[in-house]
Amino acid sequence: MGRMAVIFAALVGLAVLPALAQQPASSSHPDGTGDPDATTCRPPQAIPNSRLHGPPVCKLNSQWALLRKNGEDISADGRDVIPEAKTGAMTPMNCSMTGGGATGGGQMNCRPQ
């Protein structure tokens, strides 16, 4: 009976080895470099206006590369595709209030700088 347990343990150990060898890479700002079919995970990020962090986000390098090419990223909560903050996809705006008077009610007018 002890011999069967040793054989079983050896077989289970062999089944786990490939899973350990294929751990996804991790990067705080994945850009899609490397093997397009390999997976890269972004660690959890702080969710804006919250004390919580979102989940890790894992994608194929080919998917990260396409996001970066389009100036996009994944939101901190992992749900949405958003403009990438580093690319300056959002243009600076020059805003001013018009109208309103003493009681408010004015209108915000914004133009690109």
PDB file of N, CA and C in Angstrom:
ATOM      1  N   MET A   1       0.817  -1.189   0.000  1.00  0.00           N
ATOM      2  CA  MET A   1       0.000   0.000   0.000  1.00  0.00           C
ATOM      3  C   MET A   1       0.864   1.257   0.000  1.00  0.00           C
ATOM      4  N   GLY A   2       1.993   1.280   0.692  1.00  0.00           N
ATOM      5  CA  GLY A   2       2.888   2.420   0.722  1.00  0.00           C
ATOM      6  C   GLY A   2       3.486   2.698  -0.640  1.00  0.00           C
ATOM      7  N   ARG A   3       3.732   1.624  -1.399  1.00  0.00           N
ATOM      8  CA  ARG A   3       4.313   1.767  -2.734  1.00  0.00           C
ATOM      9  C   ARG A   3       3.342   2.476  -3.675  1.00  0.00           C
ATOM     10  N   MET A   4       2.054   2.161  -3.566  1.00  0.00           N
ATOM     11  CA  MET A   4       1.043   2.804  -4.416  1.00  0.00           C
ATOM     12  C   MET A   4       0.936   4.301  -4.081  1.00  0.00           C
ATOM     13  N   ALA A   5       1.072   4.633  -2.798  1.00  0.00           N
ATOM     14  CA  ALA A   5       0.998   6.038  -2.392  1.00  0.00           C
ATOM     15  C   ALA A   5       2.160   6.831  -2.968  1.00  0.00           C
ATOM     16  N   VAL A   6       3.348   6.239  -3.001  1.00  0.00           N
ATOM     17  CA  VAL A   6       4.520   6.903  -3.560  1.00  0.00           C
ATOM     18  C   VAL A   6       4.340   7.114  -5.057  1.00  0.00           C
ATOM     19  N   ILE A   7       3.826   6.117  -5.756  1.00  0.00           N
ATOM     20  CA  ILE A   7       3.597   6.242  -7.207  1.00  0.00           C
ATOM     21  C   ILE A   7       2.553   7.314  -7.481  1.00  0.00           C
ATOM     22  N   PHE A   8       1.481   7.320  -6.696  1.00  0.00           N
ATOM     23  CA  PHE A   8       0.430   8.333  -6.872  1.00  0.00           C
ATOM     24  C   PHE A   8       0.993   9.734  -6.640  1.00  0.00           C
ATOM     25  N   ALA A   9       1.774   9.910  -5.594  1.00  0.00           N
ATOM     26  CA  ALA A   9       2.363  11.216  -5.295  1.00  0.00           C
ATOM     27  C   ALA A   9       3.291  11.669  -6.417  1.00  0.00           C
ATOM     28  N   ALA A  10       4.040  10.743  -6.988  1.00  0.00           N
ATOM     29  CA  ALA A  10       4.935  11.086  -8.091  1.00  0.00           C
ATOM     30  C   ALA A  10       4.144  11.527  -9.314  1.00  0.00           C
ATOM     31  N   LEU A  11       3.047  10.850  -9.614  1.00  0.00           N
ATOM     32  CA  LEU A  11       2.221  11.219 -10.765  1.00  0.00           C
ATOM     33  C   LEU A  11       1.560  12.585 -10.566  1.00  0.00           C
ATOM     34  N   VAL A  12       1.080  12.843  -9.370  1.00  0.00           N
ATOM     35  CA  VAL A  12       0.477  14.139  -9.081  1.00  0.00           C
ATOM     36  C   VAL A  12       1.533  15.238  -9.199  1.00  0.00           C
ATOM     37  N   GLY A  13       2.726  14.992  -8.704  1.00  0.00           N
ATOM     38  CA  GLY A  13       3.818  15.961  -8.809  1.00  0.00           C
ATOM     39  C   GLY A  13       4.171  16.267 -10.248  1.00  0.00           C
ATOM     40  N   LEU A  14       4.168  15.260 -11.114  1.00  0.00           N
ATOM     41  CA  LEU A  14       4.462  15.475 -12.537  1.00  0.00           C
ATOM     42  C   LEU A  14       3.367  16.278 -13.209  1.00  0.00           C
ATOM     43  N   ALA A  15       2.128  16.103 -12.782  1.00  0.00           N
ATOM     44  CA  ALA A  15       1.025  16.855 -13.376  1.00  0.00           C
ATOM     45  C   ALA A  15       1.086  18.329 -12.992  1.00  0.00           C
ATOM     46  N   VAL A  16       1.652  18.659 -11.842  1.00  0.00           N
ATOM     47  CA  VAL A  16       1.726  20.039 -11.369  1.00  0.00           C
ATOM     48  C   VAL A  16       2.880  20.797 -12.013  1.00  0.00           C
ATOM     49  N   LEU A  17       3.943  20.115 -12.399  1.00  0.00           N
ATOM     50  CA  LEU A  17       5.126  20.790 -12.952  1.00  0.00           C
ATOM     51  C   LEU A  17       4.826  21.668 -14.161  1.00  0.00           C
ATOM     52  N   PRO A  18       4.064  21.219 -15.176  1.00  0.00           N
ATOM     53  CA  PRO A  18       3.803  22.114 -16.309  1.00  0.00           C
ATOM     54  C   PRO A  18       3.051  23.379 -15.898  1.00  0.00           C
ATOM     55  N   ALA A  19       2.147  23.270 -14.938  1.00  0.00           N
ATOM     56  CA  ALA A  19       1.411  24.458 -14.493  1.00  0.00           C
ATOM     57  C   ALA A  19       2.351  25.456 -13.820  1.00  0.00           C
ATOM     58  N   LEU A  20       3.318  24.967 -13.069  1.00  0.00           N
ATOM     59  CA  LEU A  20       4.269  25.864 -12.425  1.00  0.00           C
ATOM     60  C   LEU A  20       5.201  26.518 -13.433  1.00  0.00           C
ATOM     61  N   ALA A  21       5.539  25.814 -14.478  1.00  0.00           N
ATOM     62  CA  ALA A  21       6.456  26.339 -15.486  1.00  0.00           C
ATOM     63  C   ALA A  21       5.803  27.424 -16.333  1.00  0.00           C
ATOM     64  N   GLN A  22       4.471  27.467 -16.386  1.00  0.00           N
ATOM     65  CA  GLN A  22       3.780  28.409 -17.260  1.00  0.00           C
ATOM     66  C   GLN A  22       3.126  29.540 -16.474  1.00  0.00           C
ATOM     67  N   GLN A  23       3.768  30.003 -15.418  1.00  0.00           N
ATOM     68  CA  GLN A  23       3.247  31.135 -14.655  1.00  0.00           C
ATOM     69  C   GLN A  23       3.241  32.369 -15.545  1.00  0.00           C
ATOM     70  N   PRO A  24       2.150  33.152 -15.556  1.00  0.00           N
ATOM     71  CA  PRO A  24       2.138  34.360 -16.373  1.00  0.00           C
ATOM     72  C   PRO A  24       3.137  35.382 -15.858  1.00  0.00           C
ATOM     73  N   ALA A  25       3.670  36.156 -16.777  1.00  0.00           N
ATOM     74  CA  ALA A  25       4.570  37.249 -16.406  1.00  0.00           C
ATOM     75  C   ALA A  25       3.750  38.334 -15.725  1.00  0.00           C
ATOM     76  N   SER A  26       4.418  39.196 -14.984  1.00  0.00           N
ATOM     77  CA  SER A  26       3.738  40.283 -14.299  1.00  0.00           C
ATOM     78  C   SER A  26       4.448  41.589 -14.627  1.00  0.00           C
ATOM     79  N   SER A  27       3.663  42.636 -14.890  1.00  0.00           N
ATOM     80  CA  SER A  27       4.218  43.946 -15.199  1.00  0.00           C
ATOM     81  C   SER A  27       3.232  45.015 -14.740  1.00  0.00           C
ATOM     82  N   SER A  28       3.741  46.091 -14.160  1.00  0.00           N
ATOM     83  CA  SER A  28       2.851  47.168 -13.722  1.00  0.00           C
ATOM     84  C   SER A  28       2.292  47.953 -14.909  1.00  0.00           C
ATOM     85  N   HIS A  29       2.953  47.881 -16.056  1.00  0.00           N
ATOM     86  CA  HIS A  29       2.453  48.537 -17.273  1.00  0.00           C
ATOM     87  C   HIS A  29       2.764  47.629 -18.467  1.00  0.00           C
ATOM     88  N   PRO A  30       1.991  46.536 -18.633  1.00  0.00           N
ATOM     89  CA  PRO A  30       2.268  45.617 -19.742  1.00  0.00           C
ATOM     90  C   PRO A  30       2.105  46.313 -21.089  1.00  0.00           C
ATOM     91  N   ASP A  31       3.070  46.070 -21.985  1.00  0.00           N
ATOM     92  CA  ASP A  31       3.017  46.727 -23.295  1.00  0.00           C
ATOM     93  C   ASP A  31       2.931  45.745 -24.463  1.00  0.00           C
ATOM     94  N   GLY A  32       2.875  44.457 -24.172  1.00  0.00           N
ATOM     95  CA  GLY A  32       2.706  43.479 -25.232  1.00  0.00           C
ATOM     96  C   GLY A  32       3.992  42.960 -25.823  1.00  0.00           C
ATOM     97  N   THR A  33       5.137  43.333 -25.285  1.00  0.00           N
ATOM     98  CA  THR A  33       6.398  42.829 -25.820  1.00  0.00           C
ATOM     99  C   THR A  33       6.551  41.356 -25.462  1.00  0.00           C
ATOM    100  N   GLY A  34       7.313  40.661 -26.273  1.00  0.00           N
ATOM    101  CA  GLY A  34       7.545  39.234 -26.036  1.00  0.00           C
ATOM    102  C   GLY A  34       6.644  38.377 -26.890  1.00  0.00           C
ATOM    103  N   ASP A  35       6.499  37.128 -26.499  1.00  0.00           N
ATOM    104  CA  ASP A  35       5.682  36.151 -27.215  1.00  0.00           C
ATOM    105  C   ASP A  35       4.230  36.624 -27.249  1.00  0.00           C
ATOM    106  N   PRO A  36       3.642  36.813 -28.438  1.00  0.00           N
ATOM    107  CA  PRO A  36       2.266  37.306 -28.521  1.00  0.00           C
ATOM    108  C   PRO A  36       1.249  36.367 -27.871  1.00  0.00           C
ATOM    109  N   ASP A  37       1.587  35.068 -27.776  1.00  0.00           N
ATOM    110  CA  ASP A  37       0.655  34.099 -27.202  1.00  0.00           C
ATOM    111  C   ASP A  37       0.885  33.874 -25.708  1.00  0.00           C
ATOM    112  N   ALA A  38       1.865  34.551 -25.121  1.00  0.00           N
ATOM    113  CA  ALA A  38       2.119  34.440 -23.682  1.00  0.00           C
ATOM    114  C   ALA A  38       1.196  35.395 -22.931  1.00  0.00           C
ATOM    115  N   THR A  39       0.923  35.076 -21.692  1.00  0.00           N
ATOM    116  CA  THR A  39       0.046  35.893 -20.858  1.00  0.00           C
ATOM    117  C   THR A  39       0.876  36.764 -19.924  1.00  0.00           C
ATOM    118  N   THR A  40       0.472  38.041 -19.812  1.00  0.00           N
ATOM    119  CA  THR A  40       1.081  38.966 -18.865  1.00  0.00           C
ATOM    120  C   THR A  40      -0.031  39.544 -18.000  1.00  0.00           C
ATOM    121  N   CYS A  41       0.223  39.608 -16.700  1.00  0.00           N
ATOM    122  CA  CYS A  41      -0.759  40.125 -15.749  1.00  0.00           C
ATOM    123  C   CYS A  41      -0.301  41.457 -15.175  1.00  0.00           C
ATOM    124  N   ARG A  42      -1.252  42.367 -15.047  1.00  0.00           N
ATOM    125  CA  ARG A  42      -0.999  43.632 -14.359  1.00  0.00           C
ATOM    126  C   ARG A  42      -1.491  43.451 -12.927  1.00  0.00           C
ATOM    127  N   PRO A  43      -0.672  43.803 -11.933  1.00  0.00           N
ATOM    128  CA  PRO A  43      -1.111  43.628 -10.540  1.00  0.00           C
ATOM    129  C   PRO A  43      -2.301  44.529 -10.218  1.00  0.00           C
ATOM    130  N   PRO A  44      -2.987  44.264  -9.111  1.00  0.00           N
ATOM    131  CA  PRO A  44      -4.133  45.110  -8.730  1.00  0.00           C
ATOM    132  C   PRO A  44      -3.735  46.577  -8.620  1.00  0.00           C
ATOM    133  N   GLN A  45      -4.637  47.447  -9.055  1.00  0.00           N
ATOM    134  CA  GLN A  45      -4.415  48.894  -8.981  1.00  0.00           C
ATOM    135  C   GLN A  45      -5.463  49.520  -8.066  1.00  0.00           C
ATOM    136  N   ALA A  46      -5.116  50.645  -7.460  1.00  0.00           N
ATOM    137  CA  ALA A  46      -6.058  51.366  -6.606  1.00  0.00           C
ATOM    138  C   ALA A  46      -7.204  51.903  -7.462  1.00  0.00           C
ATOM    139  N   ILE A  47      -8.414  51.684  -7.004  1.00  0.00           N
ATOM    140  CA  ILE A  47      -9.587  52.213  -7.699  1.00  0.00           C
ATOM    141  C   ILE A  47      -9.759  53.669  -7.278  1.00  0.00           C
ATOM    142  N   PRO A  48      -9.900  54.593  -8.237  1.00  0.00           N
ATOM    143  CA  PRO A  48     -10.060  56.013  -7.893  1.00  0.00           C
ATOM    144  C   PRO A  48     -11.241  56.239  -6.942  1.00  0.00           C
ATOM    145  N   ASN A  49     -11.074  57.148  -5.995  1.00  0.00           N
ATOM    146  CA  ASN A  49     -12.095  57.506  -5.012  1.00  0.00           C
ATOM    147  C   ASN A  49     -12.553  56.323  -4.171  1.00  0.00           C
ATOM    148  N   SER A  50     -11.641  55.391  -3.911  1.00  0.00           N
ATOM    149  CA  SER A  50     -11.962  54.209  -3.117  1.00  0.00           C
ATOM    150  C   SER A  50     -10.724  53.766  -2.349  1.00  0.00           C
ATOM    151  N   ARG A  51     -10.940  53.054  -1.268  1.00  0.00           N
ATOM    152  CA  ARG A  51      -9.817  52.480  -0.530  1.00  0.00           C
ATOM    153  C   ARG A  51      -9.476  51.097  -1.066  1.00  0.00           C
ATOM    154  N   LEU A  52     -10.264  50.611  -2.004  1.00  0.00           N
ATOM    155  CA  LEU A  52     -10.095  49.260  -2.521  1.00  0.00           C
ATOM    156  C   LEU A  52      -9.191  49.216  -3.749  1.00  0.00           C
ATOM    157  N   HIS A  53      -8.673  48.025  -4.014  1.00  0.00           N
ATOM    158  CA  HIS A  53      -7.908  47.763  -5.230  1.00  0.00           C
ATOM    159  C   HIS A  53      -8.736  46.858  -6.131  1.00  0.00           C
ATOM    160  N   GLY A  54      -8.544  47.013  -7.421  1.00  0.00           N
ATOM    161  CA  GLY A  54      -9.214  46.143  -8.376  1.00  0.00           C
ATOM    162  C   GLY A  54      -8.495  44.800  -8.461  1.00  0.00           C
ATOM    163  N   PRO A  55      -8.968  43.928  -9.334  1.00  0.00           N
ATOM    164  CA  PRO A  55      -8.350  42.615  -9.483  1.00  0.00           C
ATOM    165  C   PRO A  55      -7.106  42.697 -10.357  1.00  0.00           C
ATOM    166  N   PRO A  56      -6.258  41.662 -10.325  1.00  0.00           N
ATOM    167  CA  PRO A  56      -5.197  41.610 -11.325  1.00  0.00           C
ATOM    168  C   PRO A  56      -5.853  41.441 -12.703  1.00  0.00           C
ATOM    169  N   VAL A  57      -5.247  42.008 -13.721  1.00  0.00           N
ATOM    170  CA  VAL A  57      -5.787  41.899 -15.081  1.00  0.00           C
ATOM    171  C   VAL A  57      -4.776  41.133 -15.925  1.00  0.00           C
ATOM    172  N   CYS A  58      -5.190  39.993 -16.458  1.00  0.00           N
ATOM    173  CA  CYS A  58      -4.311  39.146 -17.274  1.00  0.00           C
ATOM    174  C   CYS A  58      -4.831  39.104 -18.708  1.00  0.00           C
ATOM    175  N   LYS A  59      -3.931  39.342 -19.651  1.00  0.00           N
ATOM    176  CA  LYS A  59      -4.270  39.304 -21.075  1.00  0.00           C
ATOM    177  C   LYS A  59      -3.091  38.740 -21.842  1.00  0.00           C
ATOM    178  N   LEU A  60      -3.363  38.283 -23.059  1.00  0.00           N
ATOM    179  CA  LEU A  60      -2.289  37.861 -23.948  1.00  0.00           C
ATOM    180  C   LEU A  60      -1.457  39.081 -24.324  1.00  0.00           C
ATOM    181  N   ASN A  61      -0.171  38.881 -24.573  1.00  0.00           N
ATOM    182  CA  ASN A  61       0.682  39.997 -24.991  1.00  0.00           C
ATOM    183  C   ASN A  61       0.144  40.663 -26.248  1.00  0.00           C
ATOM    184  N   SER A  62      -0.447  39.884 -27.156  1.00  0.00           N
ATOM    185  CA  SER A  62      -1.017  40.461 -28.381  1.00  0.00           C
ATOM    186  C   SER A  62      -2.164  41.412 -28.047  1.00  0.00           C
ATOM    187  N   GLN A  63      -2.942  41.097 -26.998  1.00  0.00           N
ATOM    188  CA  GLN A  63      -4.038  41.979 -26.588  1.00  0.00           C
ATOM    189  C   GLN A  63      -3.498  43.245 -25.937  1.00  0.00           C
ATOM    190  N   TRP A  64      -2.469  43.109 -25.074  1.00  0.00           N
ATOM    191  CA  TRP A  64      -1.854  44.302 -24.470  1.00  0.00           C
ATOM    192  C   TRP A  64      -1.271  45.199 -25.560  1.00  0.00           C
ATOM    193  N   ALA A  65      -0.608  44.598 -26.561  1.00  0.00           N
ATOM    194  CA  ALA A  65       0.007  45.381 -27.639  1.00  0.00           C
ATOM    195  C   ALA A  65      -1.055  46.165 -28.412  1.00  0.00           C
ATOM    196  N   LEU A  66      -2.202  45.543 -28.678  1.00  0.00           N
ATOM    197  CA  LEU A  66      -3.276  46.227 -29.404  1.00  0.00           C
ATOM    198  C   LEU A  66      -3.844  47.382 -28.574  1.00  0.00           C
ATOM    199  N   LEU A  67      -4.010  47.153 -27.287  1.00  0.00           N
ATOM    200  CA  LEU A  67      -4.482  48.244 -26.423  1.00  0.00           C
ATOM    201  C   LEU A  67      -3.518  49.423 -26.467  1.00  0.00           C
ATOM    202  N   ARG A  68      -2.215  49.158 -26.310  1.00  0.00           N
ATOM    203  CA  ARG A  68      -1.219  50.234 -26.304  1.00  0.00           C
ATOM    204  C   ARG A  68      -1.166  50.940 -27.647  1.00  0.00           C
ATOM    205  N   LYS A  69      -1.270  50.172 -28.733  1.00  0.00           N
ATOM    206  CA  LYS A  69      -1.250  50.762 -30.079  1.00  0.00           C
ATOM    207  C   LYS A  69      -2.396  51.756 -30.249  1.00  0.00           C
ATOM    208  N   ASN A  70      -3.545  51.440 -29.641  1.00  0.00           N
ATOM    209  CA  ASN A  70      -4.724  52.300 -29.749  1.00  0.00           C
ATOM    210  C   ASN A  70      -4.777  53.367 -28.653  1.00  0.00           C
ATOM    211  N   GLY A  71      -3.706  53.466 -27.829  1.00  0.00           N
ATOM    212  CA  GLY A  71      -3.685  54.456 -26.757  1.00  0.00           C
ATOM    213  C   GLY A  71      -4.679  54.143 -25.657  1.00  0.00           C
ATOM    214  N   GLU A  72      -4.883  52.851 -25.384  1.00  0.00           N
ATOM    215  CA  GLU A  72      -5.885  52.432 -24.409  1.00  0.00           C
ATOM    216  C   GLU A  72      -5.261  51.621 -23.276  1.00  0.00           C
ATOM    217  N   ASP A  73      -6.030  51.459 -22.218  1.00  0.00           N
ATOM    218  CA  ASP A  73      -5.635  50.675 -21.055  1.00  0.00           C
ATOM    219  C   ASP A  73      -6.897  50.037 -20.492  1.00  0.00           C
ATOM    220  N   ILE A  74      -6.732  49.229 -19.452  1.00  0.00           N
ATOM    221  CA  ILE A  74      -7.861  48.627 -18.752  1.00  0.00           C
ATOM    222  C   ILE A  74      -8.037  49.395 -17.445  1.00  0.00           C
ATOM    223  N   SER A  75      -9.277  49.721 -17.096  1.00  0.00           N
ATOM    224  CA  SER A  75      -9.547  50.465 -15.865  1.00  0.00           C
ATOM    225  C   SER A  75      -9.059  49.691 -14.652  1.00  0.00           C
ATOM    226  N   ALA A  76      -8.876  50.388 -13.537  1.00  0.00           N
ATOM    227  CA  ALA A  76      -8.371  49.768 -12.312  1.00  0.00           C
ATOM    228  C   ALA A  76      -9.293  48.662 -11.820  1.00  0.00           C
ATOM    229  N   ASP A  77     -10.605  48.791 -12.076  1.00  0.00           N
ATOM    230  CA  ASP A  77     -11.531  47.746 -11.638  1.00  0.00           C
ATOM    231  C   ASP A  77     -11.572  46.565 -12.607  1.00  0.00           C
ATOM    232  N   GLY A  78     -10.827  46.674 -13.725  1.00  0.00           N
ATOM    233  CA  GLY A  78     -10.721  45.570 -14.680  1.00  0.00           C
ATOM    234  C   GLY A  78     -11.905  45.408 -15.602  1.00  0.00           C
ATOM    235  N   ARG A  79     -12.840  46.348 -15.591  1.00  0.00           N
ATOM    236  CA  ARG A  79     -14.085  46.193 -16.356  1.00  0.00           C
ATOM    237  C   ARG A  79     -14.088  46.871 -17.722  1.00  0.00           C
ATOM    238  N   ASP A  80     -13.417  48.019 -17.830  1.00  0.00           N
ATOM    239  CA  ASP A  80     -13.578  48.846 -19.023  1.00  0.00           C
ATOM    240  C   ASP A  80     -12.254  49.122 -19.722  1.00  0.00           C
ATOM    241  N   VAL A  81     -12.352  49.376 -21.019  1.00  0.00           N
ATOM    242  CA  VAL A  81     -11.222  49.887 -21.793  1.00  0.00           C
ATOM    243  C   VAL A  81     -11.308  51.406 -21.704  1.00  0.00           C
ATOM    244  N   ILE A  82     -10.202  52.040 -21.291  1.00  0.00           N
ATOM    245  CA  ILE A  82     -10.183  53.483 -21.082  1.00  0.00           C
ATOM    246  C   ILE A  82      -9.000  54.094 -21.828  1.00  0.00           C
ATOM    247  N   PRO A  83      -8.992  55.420 -22.037  1.00  0.00           N
ATOM    248  CA  PRO A  83      -7.814  56.052 -22.645  1.00  0.00           C
ATOM    249  C   PRO A  83      -6.611  55.872 -21.736  1.00  0.00           C
ATOM    250  N   GLU A  84      -5.464  55.585 -22.334  1.00  0.00           N
ATOM    251  CA  GLU A  84      -4.230  55.385 -21.571  1.00  0.00           C
ATOM    252  C   GLU A  84      -3.749  56.726 -21.037  1.00  0.00           C
ATOM    253  N   ALA A  85      -3.500  56.808 -19.756  1.00  0.00           N
ATOM    254  CA  ALA A  85      -3.107  58.062 -19.123  1.00  0.00           C
ATOM    255  C   ALA A  85      -1.755  58.556 -19.620  1.00  0.00           C
ATOM    256  N   LYS A  86      -0.810  57.648 -19.893  1.00  0.00           N
ATOM    257  CA  LYS A  86       0.541  58.057 -20.279  1.00  0.00           C
ATOM    258  C   LYS A  86       0.619  58.652 -21.676  1.00  0.00           C
ATOM    259  N   THR A  87      -0.315  58.330 -22.550  1.00  0.00           N
ATOM    260  CA  THR A  87      -0.213  58.795 -23.929  1.00  0.00           C
ATOM    261  C   THR A  87      -0.734  60.205 -24.125  1.00  0.00           C
ATOM    262  N   GLY A  88      -1.380  60.736 -23.101  1.00  0.00           N
ATOM    263  CA  GLY A  88      -1.950  62.065 -23.271  1.00  0.00           C
ATOM    264  C   GLY A  88      -3.143  62.034 -24.190  1.00  0.00           C
ATOM    265  N   ALA A  89      -3.877  60.914 -24.194  1.00  0.00           N
ATOM    266  CA  ALA A  89      -5.044  60.779 -25.063  1.00  0.00           C
ATOM    267  C   ALA A  89      -6.102  61.835 -24.725  1.00  0.00           C
ATOM    268  N   MET A  90      -6.069  62.335 -23.496  1.00  0.00           N
ATOM    269  CA  MET A  90      -7.005  63.383 -23.117  1.00  0.00           C
ATOM    270  C   MET A  90      -6.285  64.718 -23.298  1.00  0.00           C
ATOM    271  N   THR A  91      -6.866  65.607 -24.077  1.00  0.00           N
ATOM    272  CA  THR A  91      -6.228  66.895 -24.325  1.00  0.00           C
ATOM    273  C   THR A  91      -6.542  67.859 -23.195  1.00  0.00           C
ATOM    274  N   PRO A  92      -5.591  68.711 -22.812  1.00  0.00           N
ATOM    275  CA  PRO A  92      -5.857  69.701 -21.774  1.00  0.00           C
ATOM    276  C   PRO A  92      -6.936  70.678 -22.243  1.00  0.00           C
ATOM    277  N   MET A  93      -7.766  71.095 -21.303  1.00  0.00           N
ATOM    278  CA  MET A  93      -8.864  71.997 -21.632  1.00  0.00           C
ATOM    279  C   MET A  93      -8.693  73.326 -20.902  1.00  0.00           C
ATOM    280  N   ASN A  94      -9.158  74.394 -21.529  1.00  0.00           N
ATOM    281  CA  ASN A  94      -9.199  75.715 -20.935  1.00  0.00           C
ATOM    282  C   ASN A  94     -10.672  75.999 -20.653  1.00  0.00           C
ATOM    283  N   CYS A  95     -11.051  76.055 -19.357  1.00  0.00           N
ATOM    284  CA  CYS A  95     -12.453  76.200 -18.987  1.00  0.00           C
ATOM    285  C   CYS A  95     -12.703  77.530 -18.284  1.00  0.00           C
ATOM    286  N   SER A  96     -13.892  78.090 -18.493  1.00  0.00           N
ATOM    287  CA  SER A  96     -14.289  79.327 -17.812  1.00  0.00           C
ATOM    288  C   SER A  96     -15.803  79.308 -17.621  1.00  0.00           C
ATOM    289  N   MET A  97     -16.256  80.038 -16.598  1.00  0.00           N
ATOM    290  CA  MET A  97     -17.690  80.157 -16.319  1.00  0.00           C
ATOM    291  C   MET A  97     -18.233  81.399 -17.026  1.00  0.00           C
ATOM    292  N   THR A  98     -19.423  81.297 -17.579  1.00  0.00           N
ATOM    293  CA  THR A  98     -20.087  82.450 -18.184  1.00  0.00           C
ATOM    294  C   THR A  98     -21.503  82.546 -17.645  1.00  0.00           C
ATOM    295  N   GLY A  99     -21.971  83.759 -17.476  1.00  0.00           N
ATOM    296  CA  GLY A  99     -23.344  83.982 -17.008  1.00  0.00           C
ATOM    297  C   GLY A  99     -23.499  83.633 -15.542  1.00  0.00           C
ATOM    298  N   GLY A 100     -24.727  83.601 -15.072  1.00  0.00           N
ATOM    299  CA  GLY A 100     -25.006  83.171 -13.719  1.00  0.00           C
ATOM    300  C   GLY A 100     -25.332  84.287 -12.770  1.00  0.00           C
ATOM    301  N   GLY A 101     -24.399  85.146 -12.476  1.00  0.00           N
ATOM    302  CA  GLY A 101     -24.650  86.213 -11.508  1.00  0.00           C
ATOM    303  C   GLY A 101     -24.360  85.761 -10.089  1.00  0.00           C
ATOM    304  N   ALA A 102     -24.945  86.485  -9.119  1.00  0.00           N
ATOM    305  CA  ALA A 102     -24.647  86.264  -7.711  1.00  0.00           C
ATOM    306  C   ALA A 102     -25.192  84.938  -7.187  1.00  0.00           C
ATOM    307  N   THR A 103     -26.240  84.435  -7.774  1.00  0.00           N
ATOM    308  CA  THR A 103     -26.851  83.201  -7.260  1.00  0.00           C
ATOM    309  C   THR A 103     -26.388  81.966  -7.991  1.00  0.00           C
ATOM    310  N   GLY A 104     -25.429  82.089  -8.850  1.00  0.00           N
ATOM    311  CA  GLY A 104     -24.929  80.924  -9.602  1.00  0.00           C
ATOM    312  C   GLY A 104     -25.754  80.684 -10.843  1.00  0.00           C
ATOM    313  N   GLY A 105     -25.773  79.450 -11.281  1.00  0.00           N
ATOM    314  CA  GLY A 105     -26.524  79.101 -12.477  1.00  0.00           C
ATOM    315  C   GLY A 105     -25.791  79.365 -13.761  1.00  0.00           C
ATOM    316  N   GLY A 106     -24.488  79.663 -13.673  1.00  0.00           N
ATOM    317  CA  GLY A 106     -23.719  79.918 -14.885  1.00  0.00           C
ATOM    318  C   GLY A 106     -23.441  78.640 -15.649  1.00  0.00           C
ATOM    319  N   GLN A 107     -22.775  78.804 -16.752  1.00  0.00           N
ATOM    320  CA  GLN A 107     -22.465  77.658 -17.601  1.00  0.00           C
ATOM    321  C   GLN A 107     -20.964  77.542 -17.781  1.00  0.00           C
ATOM    322  N   MET A 108     -20.444  76.315 -17.661  1.00  0.00           N
ATOM    323  CA  MET A 108     -19.020  76.055 -17.846  1.00  0.00           C
ATOM    324  C   MET A 108     -18.771  75.864 -19.345  1.00  0.00           C
ATOM    325  N   ASN A 109     -17.845  76.664 -19.880  1.00  0.00           N
ATOM    326  CA  ASN A 109     -17.449  76.531 -21.277  1.00  0.00           C
ATOM    327  C   ASN A 109     -15.999  76.090 -21.330  1.00  0.00           C
ATOM    328  N   CYS A 110     -15.731  74.999 -22.026  1.00  0.00           N
ATOM    329  CA  CYS A 110     -14.385  74.462 -22.126  1.00  0.00           C
ATOM    330  C   CYS A 110     -13.963  74.356 -23.581  1.00  0.00           C
ATOM    331  N   ARG A 111     -12.705  74.742 -23.851  1.00  0.00           N
ATOM    332  CA  ARG A 111     -12.108  74.610 -25.176  1.00  0.00           C
ATOM    333  C   ARG A 111     -10.747  73.944 -25.044  1.00  0.00           C
ATOM    334  N   PRO A 112     -10.337  73.169 -26.046  1.00  0.00           N
ATOM    335  CA  PRO A 112      -8.984  72.593 -25.982  1.00  0.00           C
ATOM    336  C   PRO A 112      -7.953  73.725 -25.979  1.00  0.00           C
ATOM    337  N   GLN A 113      -6.871  73.531 -25.247  1.00  0.00           N
ATOM    338  CA  GLN A 113      -5.809  74.553 -25.183  1.00  0.00           C
ATOM    339  C   GLN A 113      -5.002  74.555 -26.440  1.00  0.00           C
TER     340      GLN A 113
END
